[in-house]
């Protein structure tokens, strides 16, 4: 049996889309026939990623480089989606960077920068996208998060705090927007293969890094970027029409809370 996710012709904005989880997600949506508007900060890197995404399926692709902490860029990103593809159906707030420190290592500027990237960018893009979704009879928002947003451990500041705020935003928007047919969910990732992890590999030995991390996961392996992409596509699809306001753990069983 095959399942049609119902994403054909839909338009999705995906932030942090130049590599790793965001790139895999863009490819997955295009493979399903959706149009994607890809965002990342580095223009050259994003352009190469967009070329790869265009080969993944028959959906339209538009790449627009810029910083989602800039309100003006958020506005231009949503405007580009509406101008090129007629509206917005899906928003994947995937932009983010690992920031795991102890309290005394962080000044106010570090807290503010993380807040702008992981909370306010999602707030702004959601606020701008919702009128387009409402006009099209509904839509879906997925917010990237981590297991530490539910159950933080020591030395995870400020990320764990910002991701917790993102989970609260997810539930609040899900309740507020449900009458408009707009569903809002979050994905709480654990150890997944990504560019952020690979930059930590000693001597560039990525395989050795993942081999060392795998035993920490109950399922015995580091997750693939495609695992995230598949879940994001499902949560935005017609097959998930009765799912909203939830934060799904994608962590191989690592998170101590449901």
C-alpha atoms as a PDB file:
ATOM      1  CA  UNK A   1       0.000   0.000   0.000  1.00  0.00           C
ATOM      2  CA  UNK A   2       1.261   3.492  -0.802  1.00  0.00           C
ATOM      3  CA  UNK A   3       0.270   6.709   0.892  1.00  0.00           C
ATOM      4  CA  UNK A   4      -0.155  10.072  -0.773  1.00  0.00           C
ATOM      5  CA  UNK A   5       0.950  12.717   1.701  1.00  0.00           C
ATOM      6  CA  UNK A   6      -1.095  15.334  -0.115  1.00  0.00           C
ATOM      7  CA  UNK A   7       1.812  17.767  -0.446  1.00  0.00           C
ATOM      8  CA  UNK A   8       1.614  18.124  -4.228  1.00  0.00           C
ATOM      9  CA  UNK A   9       1.451  21.824  -5.109  1.00  0.00           C
ATOM     10  CA  UNK A  10       1.806  23.005  -1.501  1.00  0.00           C
ATOM     11  CA  UNK A  11       4.342  25.725  -0.723  1.00  0.00           C
ATOM     12  CA  UNK A  12       6.748  25.331   2.190  1.00  0.00           C
ATOM     13  CA  UNK A  13       9.192  27.796   3.712  1.00  0.00           C
ATOM     14  CA  UNK A  14      12.155  25.974   5.277  1.00  0.00           C
ATOM     15  CA  UNK A  15      14.767  27.858   7.267  1.00  0.00           C
ATOM     16  CA  UNK A  16      18.258  26.539   7.907  1.00  0.00           C
ATOM     17  CA  UNK A  17      17.910  24.682   4.616  1.00  0.00           C
ATOM     18  CA  UNK A  18      21.442  24.742   3.201  1.00  0.00           C
ATOM     19  CA  UNK A  19      22.673  21.548   4.833  1.00  0.00           C
ATOM     20  CA  UNK A  20      21.874  18.768   7.282  1.00  0.00           C
ATOM     21  CA  UNK A  21      18.306  18.451   8.510  1.00  0.00           C
ATOM     22  CA  UNK A  22      16.951  21.436   6.605  1.00  0.00           C
ATOM     23  CA  UNK A  23      18.436  20.314   3.299  1.00  0.00           C
ATOM     24  CA  UNK A  24      17.075  16.789   3.728  1.00  0.00           C
ATOM     25  CA  UNK A  25      13.652  18.267   4.513  1.00  0.00           C
ATOM     26  CA  UNK A  26      13.681  20.460   1.419  1.00  0.00           C
ATOM     27  CA  UNK A  27      14.524  17.439  -0.724  1.00  0.00           C
ATOM     28  CA  UNK A  28      11.732  15.421   0.861  1.00  0.00           C
ATOM     29  CA  UNK A  29       9.119  18.096   0.198  1.00  0.00           C
ATOM     30  CA  UNK A  30      10.196  18.571  -3.415  1.00  0.00           C
ATOM     31  CA  UNK A  31      10.113  14.805  -3.918  1.00  0.00           C
ATOM     32  CA  UNK A  32       6.474  14.962  -2.799  1.00  0.00           C
ATOM     33  CA  UNK A  33       5.739  17.649  -5.390  1.00  0.00           C
ATOM     34  CA  UNK A  34       5.751  20.623  -3.020  1.00  0.00           C
ATOM     35  CA  UNK A  35       7.307  23.981  -3.787  1.00  0.00           C
ATOM     36  CA  UNK A  36      10.014  25.042  -1.351  1.00  0.00           C
ATOM     37  CA  UNK A  37      11.429  28.398  -0.379  1.00  0.00           C
ATOM     38  CA  UNK A  38      14.824  27.699   1.144  1.00  0.00           C
ATOM     39  CA  UNK A  39      16.579  30.019   3.564  1.00  0.00           C
ATOM     40  CA  UNK A  40      20.068  30.090   5.074  1.00  0.00           C
ATOM     41  CA  UNK A  41      22.622  32.777   5.784  1.00  0.00           C
ATOM     42  CA  UNK A  42      25.421  31.802   3.362  1.00  0.00           C
ATOM     43  CA  UNK A  43      24.329  32.637  -0.187  1.00  0.00           C
ATOM     44  CA  UNK A  44      26.850  30.480  -2.062  1.00  0.00           C
ATOM     45  CA  UNK A  45      26.225  27.447   0.137  1.00  0.00           C
ATOM     46  CA  UNK A  46      22.470  27.899  -0.169  1.00  0.00           C
ATOM     47  CA  UNK A  47      22.651  28.179  -3.960  1.00  0.00           C
ATOM     48  CA  UNK A  48      24.468  24.848  -4.230  1.00  0.00           C
ATOM     49  CA  UNK A  49      21.917  23.255  -1.883  1.00  0.00           C
ATOM     50  CA  UNK A  50      19.036  24.606  -3.978  1.00  0.00           C
ATOM     51  CA  UNK A  51      20.528  23.027  -7.092  1.00  0.00           C
ATOM     52  CA  UNK A  52      20.595  19.663  -5.300  1.00  0.00           C
ATOM     53  CA  UNK A  53      17.018  20.083  -4.095  1.00  0.00           C
ATOM     54  CA  UNK A  54      15.778  20.915  -7.594  1.00  0.00           C
ATOM     55  CA  UNK A  55      17.002  17.506  -8.755  1.00  0.00           C
ATOM     56  CA  UNK A  56      15.097  15.681  -6.014  1.00  0.00           C
ATOM     57  CA  UNK A  57      11.626  16.038  -7.513  1.00  0.00           C
ATOM     58  CA  UNK A  58       9.274  18.168  -9.559  1.00  0.00           C
ATOM     59  CA  UNK A  59       8.402  20.844  -7.022  1.00  0.00           C
ATOM     60  CA  UNK A  60       9.490  24.435  -7.515  1.00  0.00           C
ATOM     61  CA  UNK A  61      12.539  25.745  -5.671  1.00  0.00           C
ATOM     62  CA  UNK A  62      13.458  29.274  -4.620  1.00  0.00           C
ATOM     63  CA  UNK A  63      16.511  30.084  -2.496  1.00  0.00           C
ATOM     64  CA  UNK A  64      16.764  33.326  -0.560  1.00  0.00           C
ATOM     65  CA  UNK A  65      19.796  33.932   1.615  1.00  0.00           C
ATOM     66  CA  UNK A  66      19.529  36.043   4.732  1.00  0.00           C
ATOM     67  CA  UNK A  67      19.442  36.098   8.507  1.00  0.00           C
ATOM     68  CA  UNK A  68      16.123  35.136  10.106  1.00  0.00           C
ATOM     69  CA  UNK A  69      16.969  37.271  13.138  1.00  0.00           C
ATOM     70  CA  UNK A  70      16.390  40.253  10.820  1.00  0.00           C
ATOM     71  CA  UNK A  71      12.664  41.129  10.782  1.00  0.00           C
ATOM     72  CA  UNK A  72      12.989  42.604   7.304  1.00  0.00           C
ATOM     73  CA  UNK A  73      14.418  39.390   5.921  1.00  0.00           C
ATOM     74  CA  UNK A  74      11.589  37.355   7.465  1.00  0.00           C
ATOM     75  CA  UNK A  75       9.111  39.622   5.708  1.00  0.00           C
ATOM     76  CA  UNK A  76      10.885  39.350   2.357  1.00  0.00           C
ATOM     77  CA  UNK A  77      11.061  35.555   2.679  1.00  0.00           C
ATOM     78  CA  UNK A  78       7.307  35.196   3.132  1.00  0.00           C
ATOM     79  CA  UNK A  79       6.651  37.762   0.396  1.00  0.00           C
ATOM     80  CA  UNK A  80       8.864  35.775  -1.991  1.00  0.00           C
ATOM     81  CA  UNK A  81       6.889  32.603  -1.277  1.00  0.00           C
ATOM     82  CA  UNK A  82       3.604  34.366  -1.966  1.00  0.00           C
ATOM     83  CA  UNK A  83       4.864  36.089  -5.110  1.00  0.00           C
ATOM     84  CA  UNK A  84       6.504  33.026  -6.658  1.00  0.00           C
ATOM     85  CA  UNK A  85       4.123  30.277  -5.617  1.00  0.00           C
ATOM     86  CA  UNK A  86       0.876  32.026  -4.731  1.00  0.00           C
ATOM     87  CA  UNK A  87       0.926  31.680  -0.965  1.00  0.00           C
ATOM     88  CA  UNK A  88       2.243  29.739   2.006  1.00  0.00           C
ATOM     89  CA  UNK A  89       0.929  26.385   3.226  1.00  0.00           C
ATOM     90  CA  UNK A  90       3.794  25.129   5.379  1.00  0.00           C
ATOM     91  CA  UNK A  91       6.467  26.670   7.596  1.00  0.00           C
ATOM     92  CA  UNK A  92       9.373  24.646   8.981  1.00  0.00           C
ATOM     93  CA  UNK A  93      11.244  26.728  11.553  1.00  0.00           C
ATOM     94  CA  UNK A  94      14.464  24.766  11.381  1.00  0.00           C
ATOM     95  CA  UNK A  95      17.128  27.495  11.774  1.00  0.00           C
ATOM     96  CA  UNK A  96      19.291  27.163  14.827  1.00  0.00           C
ATOM     97  CA  UNK A  97      22.787  26.548  16.109  1.00  0.00           C
ATOM     98  CA  UNK A  98      24.117  24.458  18.953  1.00  0.00           C
ATOM     99  CA  UNK A  99      24.758  26.563  22.057  1.00  0.00           C
ATOM    100  CA  UNK A 100      25.516  24.498  25.160  1.00  0.00           C
ATOM    101  CA  UNK A 101      27.293  26.297  27.985  1.00  0.00           C
ATOM    102  CA  UNK A 102      27.189  26.760  31.738  1.00  0.00           C
ATOM    103  CA  UNK A 103      25.556  29.819  33.285  1.00  0.00           C
ATOM    104  CA  UNK A 104      28.684  31.847  34.039  1.00  0.00           C
ATOM    105  CA  UNK A 105      30.043  31.427  30.506  1.00  0.00           C
ATOM    106  CA  UNK A 106      27.177  33.445  29.029  1.00  0.00           C
ATOM    107  CA  UNK A 107      26.639  37.197  28.990  1.00  0.00           C
ATOM    108  CA  UNK A 108      23.419  39.016  28.158  1.00  0.00           C
ATOM    109  CA  UNK A 109      24.385  39.350  24.488  1.00  0.00           C
ATOM    110  CA  UNK A 110      24.683  35.569  24.104  1.00  0.00           C
ATOM    111  CA  UNK A 111      21.263  35.054  25.636  1.00  0.00           C
ATOM    112  CA  UNK A 112      19.720  37.718  23.406  1.00  0.00           C
ATOM    113  CA  UNK A 113      21.304  36.298  20.228  1.00  0.00           C
ATOM    114  CA  UNK A 114      19.975  32.814  20.969  1.00  0.00           C
ATOM    115  CA  UNK A 115      16.552  34.200  21.811  1.00  0.00           C
ATOM    116  CA  UNK A 116      16.368  36.050  18.502  1.00  0.00           C
ATOM    117  CA  UNK A 117      17.481  32.992  16.506  1.00  0.00           C
ATOM    118  CA  UNK A 118      15.431  30.268  18.158  1.00  0.00           C
ATOM    119  CA  UNK A 119      12.346  32.050  19.459  1.00  0.00           C
ATOM    120  CA  UNK A 120      11.729  35.377  17.764  1.00  0.00           C
ATOM    121  CA  UNK A 121      12.551  34.131  14.264  1.00  0.00           C
ATOM    122  CA  UNK A 122       9.872  31.459  14.670  1.00  0.00           C
ATOM    123  CA  UNK A 123       7.440  34.005  16.119  1.00  0.00           C
ATOM    124  CA  UNK A 124       7.959  36.454  13.248  1.00  0.00           C
ATOM    125  CA  UNK A 125       7.809  33.891  10.465  1.00  0.00           C
ATOM    126  CA  UNK A 126       4.700  32.309  11.972  1.00  0.00           C
ATOM    127  CA  UNK A 127       2.989  35.687  12.337  1.00  0.00           C
ATOM    128  CA  UNK A 128       3.785  36.550   8.728  1.00  0.00           C
ATOM    129  CA  UNK A 129       2.828  33.136   7.319  1.00  0.00           C
ATOM    130  CA  UNK A 130      -0.435  32.547   9.162  1.00  0.00           C
ATOM    131  CA  UNK A 131      -2.536  35.033   7.120  1.00  0.00           C
ATOM    132  CA  UNK A 132      -1.459  33.252   3.928  1.00  0.00           C
ATOM    133  CA  UNK A 133      -2.302  29.852   5.435  1.00  0.00           C
ATOM    134  CA  UNK A 134      -5.658  31.115   6.633  1.00  0.00           C
ATOM    135  CA  UNK A 135      -6.450  32.436   3.150  1.00  0.00           C
ATOM    136  CA  UNK A 136      -5.705  28.990   1.704  1.00  0.00           C
ATOM    137  CA  UNK A 137      -7.966  27.203   4.171  1.00  0.00           C
ATOM    138  CA  UNK A 138      -5.309  25.885   6.541  1.00  0.00           C
ATOM    139  CA  UNK A 139      -1.681  24.952   6.866  1.00  0.00           C
ATOM    140  CA  UNK A 140       1.001  23.461   9.054  1.00  0.00           C
ATOM    141  CA  UNK A 141       3.928  24.734  11.113  1.00  0.00           C
ATOM    142  CA  UNK A 142       6.764  22.570  12.422  1.00  0.00           C
ATOM    143  CA  UNK A 143       9.200  23.952  14.971  1.00  0.00           C
ATOM    144  CA  UNK A 144      12.583  22.302  15.455  1.00  0.00           C
ATOM    145  CA  UNK A 145      13.479  21.550  19.050  1.00  0.00           C
ATOM    146  CA  UNK A 146      15.602  19.174  21.140  1.00  0.00           C
ATOM    147  CA  UNK A 147      14.985  16.665  23.891  1.00  0.00           C
ATOM    148  CA  UNK A 148      16.607  19.135  26.259  1.00  0.00           C
ATOM    149  CA  UNK A 149      13.655  21.438  25.701  1.00  0.00           C
ATOM    150  CA  UNK A 150      11.640  18.958  27.758  1.00  0.00           C
ATOM    151  CA  UNK A 151      14.309  17.600  30.105  1.00  0.00           C
ATOM    152  CA  UNK A 152      17.490  19.714  30.158  1.00  0.00           C
ATOM    153  CA  UNK A 153      20.728  18.506  31.630  1.00  0.00           C
ATOM    154  CA  UNK A 154      23.589  20.598  32.998  1.00  0.00           C
ATOM    155  CA  UNK A 155      25.558  22.795  30.651  1.00  0.00           C
ATOM    156  CA  UNK A 156      22.852  23.169  28.005  1.00  0.00           C
ATOM    157  CA  UNK A 157      22.308  26.910  28.287  1.00  0.00           C
ATOM    158  CA  UNK A 158      20.917  28.875  26.573  1.00  0.00           C
ATOM    159  CA  UNK A 159      19.608  26.327  24.038  1.00  0.00           C
ATOM    160  CA  UNK A 160      17.513  24.304  26.477  1.00  0.00           C
ATOM    161  CA  UNK A 161      15.731  27.433  27.683  1.00  0.00           C
ATOM    162  CA  UNK A 162      15.016  28.711  24.169  1.00  0.00           C
ATOM    163  CA  UNK A 163      13.832  25.322  22.962  1.00  0.00           C
ATOM    164  CA  UNK A 164      11.527  25.086  25.967  1.00  0.00           C
ATOM    165  CA  UNK A 165      10.091  28.456  24.981  1.00  0.00           C
ATOM    166  CA  UNK A 166       9.651  27.087  21.456  1.00  0.00           C
ATOM    167  CA  UNK A 167       7.646  24.164  22.794  1.00  0.00           C
ATOM    168  CA  UNK A 168       5.400  26.560  24.681  1.00  0.00           C
ATOM    169  CA  UNK A 169       4.998  28.589  21.490  1.00  0.00           C
ATOM    170  CA  UNK A 170       4.096  25.404  19.624  1.00  0.00           C
ATOM    171  CA  UNK A 171       1.315  24.489  22.037  1.00  0.00           C
ATOM    172  CA  UNK A 172       0.009  28.048  22.307  1.00  0.00           C
ATOM    173  CA  UNK A 173      -0.197  28.492  18.531  1.00  0.00           C
ATOM    174  CA  UNK A 174      -1.730  25.043  18.074  1.00  0.00           C
ATOM    175  CA  UNK A 175      -4.592  26.008  20.377  1.00  0.00           C
ATOM    176  CA  UNK A 176      -5.002  29.466  18.882  1.00  0.00           C
ATOM    177  CA  UNK A 177      -4.865  28.453  15.222  1.00  0.00           C
ATOM    178  CA  UNK A 178      -6.800  25.175  15.305  1.00  0.00           C
ATOM    179  CA  UNK A 179     -10.081  26.880  14.302  1.00  0.00           C
ATOM    180  CA  UNK A 180      -8.321  28.098  11.149  1.00  0.00           C
ATOM    181  CA  UNK A 181      -7.233  24.593  10.188  1.00  0.00           C
ATOM    182  CA  UNK A 182      -3.584  25.411  10.942  1.00  0.00           C
ATOM    183  CA  UNK A 183      -1.739  22.693  12.809  1.00  0.00           C
ATOM    184  CA  UNK A 184       1.428  23.371  14.815  1.00  0.00           C
ATOM    185  CA  UNK A 185       3.822  20.690  16.046  1.00  0.00           C
ATOM    186  CA  UNK A 186       7.437  20.361  17.134  1.00  0.00           C
ATOM    187  CA  UNK A 187      10.170  17.788  16.565  1.00  0.00           C
ATOM    188  CA  UNK A 188      12.510  17.189  19.511  1.00  0.00           C
ATOM    189  CA  UNK A 189      15.682  15.743  18.071  1.00  0.00           C
ATOM    190  CA  UNK A 190      18.354  13.718  19.790  1.00  0.00           C
ATOM    191  CA  UNK A 191      21.535  12.526  18.099  1.00  0.00           C
ATOM    192  CA  UNK A 192      20.998  13.000  14.362  1.00  0.00           C
ATOM    193  CA  UNK A 193      23.638  13.267  11.656  1.00  0.00           C
ATOM    194  CA  UNK A 194      24.128  16.927  10.854  1.00  0.00           C
ATOM    195  CA  UNK A 195      26.715  19.449   9.769  1.00  0.00           C
ATOM    196  CA  UNK A 196      26.918  20.723  13.343  1.00  0.00           C
ATOM    197  CA  UNK A 197      28.035  17.322  14.597  1.00  0.00           C
ATOM    198  CA  UNK A 198      30.358  16.729  11.679  1.00  0.00           C
ATOM    199  CA  UNK A 199      32.252  19.946  12.351  1.00  0.00           C
ATOM    200  CA  UNK A 200      33.240  18.397  15.691  1.00  0.00           C
ATOM    201  CA  UNK A 201      34.835  15.311  14.152  1.00  0.00           C
ATOM    202  CA  UNK A 202      38.500  14.943  15.051  1.00  0.00           C
ATOM    203  CA  UNK A 203      40.737  14.943  11.982  1.00  0.00           C
ATOM    204  CA  UNK A 204      37.577  15.030   9.882  1.00  0.00           C
ATOM    205  CA  UNK A 205      36.770  11.398  10.703  1.00  0.00           C
ATOM    206  CA  UNK A 206      32.980  11.654  10.632  1.00  0.00           C
ATOM    207  CA  UNK A 207      32.418   7.887  10.546  1.00  0.00           C
ATOM    208  CA  UNK A 208      34.426   7.441  13.752  1.00  0.00           C
ATOM    209  CA  UNK A 209      32.470  10.215  15.438  1.00  0.00           C
ATOM    210  CA  UNK A 210      29.111   8.644  14.661  1.00  0.00           C
ATOM    211  CA  UNK A 211      30.385   5.194  15.631  1.00  0.00           C
ATOM    212  CA  UNK A 212      31.341   6.577  19.045  1.00  0.00           C
ATOM    213  CA  UNK A 213      27.967   8.272  19.527  1.00  0.00           C
ATOM    214  CA  UNK A 214      25.773   5.359  18.421  1.00  0.00           C
ATOM    215  CA  UNK A 215      26.075   3.303  21.650  1.00  0.00           C
ATOM    216  CA  UNK A 216      24.622   6.230  23.620  1.00  0.00           C
ATOM    217  CA  UNK A 217      21.310   5.775  21.800  1.00  0.00           C
ATOM    218  CA  UNK A 218      18.902   3.000  22.912  1.00  0.00           C
ATOM    219  CA  UNK A 219      18.318   2.049  19.259  1.00  0.00           C
ATOM    220  CA  UNK A 220      22.085   1.767  18.848  1.00  0.00           C
ATOM    221  CA  UNK A 221      22.686   4.289  16.069  1.00  0.00           C
ATOM    222  CA  UNK A 222      22.796   7.981  15.270  1.00  0.00           C
ATOM    223  CA  UNK A 223      19.713   9.078  13.380  1.00  0.00           C
ATOM    224  CA  UNK A 224      19.774  10.139   9.740  1.00  0.00           C
ATOM    225  CA  UNK A 225      18.824  13.571   8.468  1.00  0.00           C
ATOM    226  CA  UNK A 226      16.210  11.763   6.373  1.00  0.00           C
ATOM    227  CA  UNK A 227      14.535  10.527   9.570  1.00  0.00           C
ATOM    228  CA  UNK A 228      13.860  14.158  10.448  1.00  0.00           C
ATOM    229  CA  UNK A 229      12.769  15.006   6.904  1.00  0.00           C
ATOM    230  CA  UNK A 230      10.298  12.114   6.814  1.00  0.00           C
ATOM    231  CA  UNK A 231       8.745  13.128  10.122  1.00  0.00           C
ATOM    232  CA  UNK A 232       8.496  16.790   9.112  1.00  0.00           C
ATOM    233  CA  UNK A 233       6.808  15.845   5.843  1.00  0.00           C
ATOM    234  CA  UNK A 234       4.362  13.564   7.650  1.00  0.00           C
ATOM    235  CA  UNK A 235       3.451  16.196  10.260  1.00  0.00           C
ATOM    236  CA  UNK A 236       2.728  18.698   7.480  1.00  0.00           C
ATOM    237  CA  UNK A 237       0.736  16.217   5.420  1.00  0.00           C
ATOM    238  CA  UNK A 238      -2.911  15.296   5.081  1.00  0.00           C
ATOM    239  CA  UNK A 239      -2.044  12.005   6.822  1.00  0.00           C
ATOM    240  CA  UNK A 240      -1.423  13.934  10.057  1.00  0.00           C
ATOM    241  CA  UNK A 241      -4.666  15.913   9.908  1.00  0.00           C
ATOM    242  CA  UNK A 242      -5.572  15.074  13.538  1.00  0.00           C
ATOM    243  CA  UNK A 243      -2.152  15.847  15.033  1.00  0.00           C
ATOM    244  CA  UNK A 244      -1.510  19.283  16.514  1.00  0.00           C
ATOM    245  CA  UNK A 245       0.080  20.763  19.612  1.00  0.00           C
ATOM    246  CA  UNK A 246       2.461  17.877  20.123  1.00  0.00           C
ATOM    247  CA  UNK A 247       6.245  17.630  20.439  1.00  0.00           C
ATOM    248  CA  UNK A 248       7.455  14.374  18.907  1.00  0.00           C
ATOM    249  CA  UNK A 249      10.714  12.891  20.172  1.00  0.00           C
ATOM    250  CA  UNK A 250      13.014  11.869  17.316  1.00  0.00           C
ATOM    251  CA  UNK A 251      15.862  10.550  19.399  1.00  0.00           C
ATOM    252  CA  UNK A 252      16.055   6.771  19.230  1.00  0.00           C
ATOM    253  CA  UNK A 253      14.691   6.574  22.780  1.00  0.00           C
ATOM    254  CA  UNK A 254      17.171   8.922  24.483  1.00  0.00           C
ATOM    255  CA  UNK A 255      14.857  11.520  26.009  1.00  0.00           C
ATOM    256  CA  UNK A 256      13.808  10.600  29.569  1.00  0.00           C
ATOM    257  CA  UNK A 257      10.370  12.173  29.105  1.00  0.00           C
ATOM    258  CA  UNK A 258       7.582  11.558  26.594  1.00  0.00           C
END
